[in-house]
Amino acid sequence: GSWTFEWRILREDAGWFLVQGRTEYPAERDYLNLWIVQLDQDGRAEEFTEWYMPRPHGG
């Protein structure tokens, strides 16, 4: 199967990022994602927390 993923940065502050995403699986369901990411000086993730919420497809 195929899937799509869209995301956008909601907030950036001193190396912390709040990111909203949506993953869509055409034959199944959608997932809304919320990530909190802290990057180190090299731009690599130092901390990562994810929440997701399943939604009926097309919801």
Protein backbone atom coordinates (compact mmCIF):
# COMPACT_ATOMS: atom_id res chain seq x y z
CA GLY A 1 0.00 0.00 0.00
CA SER A 2 0.84 3.62 -0.20
CA TRP A 3 0.63 6.43 2.31
CA THR A 4 1.17 10.19 2.52
CA PHE A 5 2.61 12.37 5.25
CA GLU A 6 2.26 16.12 5.69
CA TRP A 7 3.83 18.22 8.42
CA ARG A 8 4.40 21.80 9.52
CA ILE A 9 6.36 23.49 12.26
CA LEU A 10 3.97 25.18 14.69
CA ARG A 11 6.57 26.72 16.98
CA GLU A 12 10.34 27.05 17.26
CA ASP A 13 12.11 28.34 20.37
CA ALA A 14 15.80 27.95 21.34
CA GLY A 15 16.30 24.62 19.58
CA TRP A 16 12.87 23.22 20.52
CA PHE A 17 10.35 22.50 17.77
CA LEU A 18 6.63 21.73 17.95
CA VAL A 19 5.59 19.88 14.79
CA GLN A 20 2.10 18.89 13.64
CA GLY A 21 1.76 16.05 11.15
CA ARG A 22 -0.86 13.95 9.44
CA THR A 23 -0.29 10.47 8.06
CA GLU A 24 -2.88 9.06 5.66
CA TYR A 25 -3.23 5.41 4.74
CA PRO A 26 -5.84 5.40 1.92
CA ALA A 27 -7.39 2.02 2.70
CA GLU A 28 -7.28 2.34 6.49
CA ARG A 29 -7.27 5.45 8.65
CA ASP A 30 -5.53 8.74 9.24
CA TYR A 31 -3.27 9.67 12.14
CA LEU A 32 -2.73 13.14 13.53
CA ASN A 33 0.75 13.55 15.02
CA LEU A 34 2.25 16.03 17.45
CA TRP A 35 6.00 16.01 18.03
CA ILE A 36 8.21 17.91 20.43
CA VAL A 37 11.81 17.80 19.23
CA GLN A 38 14.96 19.32 20.70
CA LEU A 39 17.94 19.59 18.37
CA ASP A 40 21.58 19.64 19.47
CA GLN A 41 24.19 22.04 18.04
CA ASP A 42 24.76 19.71 15.06
CA GLY A 43 21.05 19.69 14.17
CA ARG A 44 20.46 16.15 15.40
CA ALA A 45 17.50 15.22 17.57
CA GLU A 46 18.54 15.18 21.21
CA GLU A 47 15.03 14.65 22.61
CA PHE A 48 11.88 13.46 20.86
CA THR A 49 8.34 12.97 22.14
CA GLU A 50 5.41 11.92 19.94
CA TRP A 51 1.68 11.80 20.45
CA TYR A 52 -0.68 10.44 17.83
CA MET A 53 -4.43 10.15 17.44
CA PRO A 54 -6.03 7.68 15.04
CA ARG A 55 -8.96 9.06 13.06
CA PRO A 56 -11.38 7.34 10.71
CA HIS A 57 -10.24 7.69 7.11
CA GLY A 58 -11.34 10.97 5.61
CA GLY A 59 -12.18 12.42 9.06
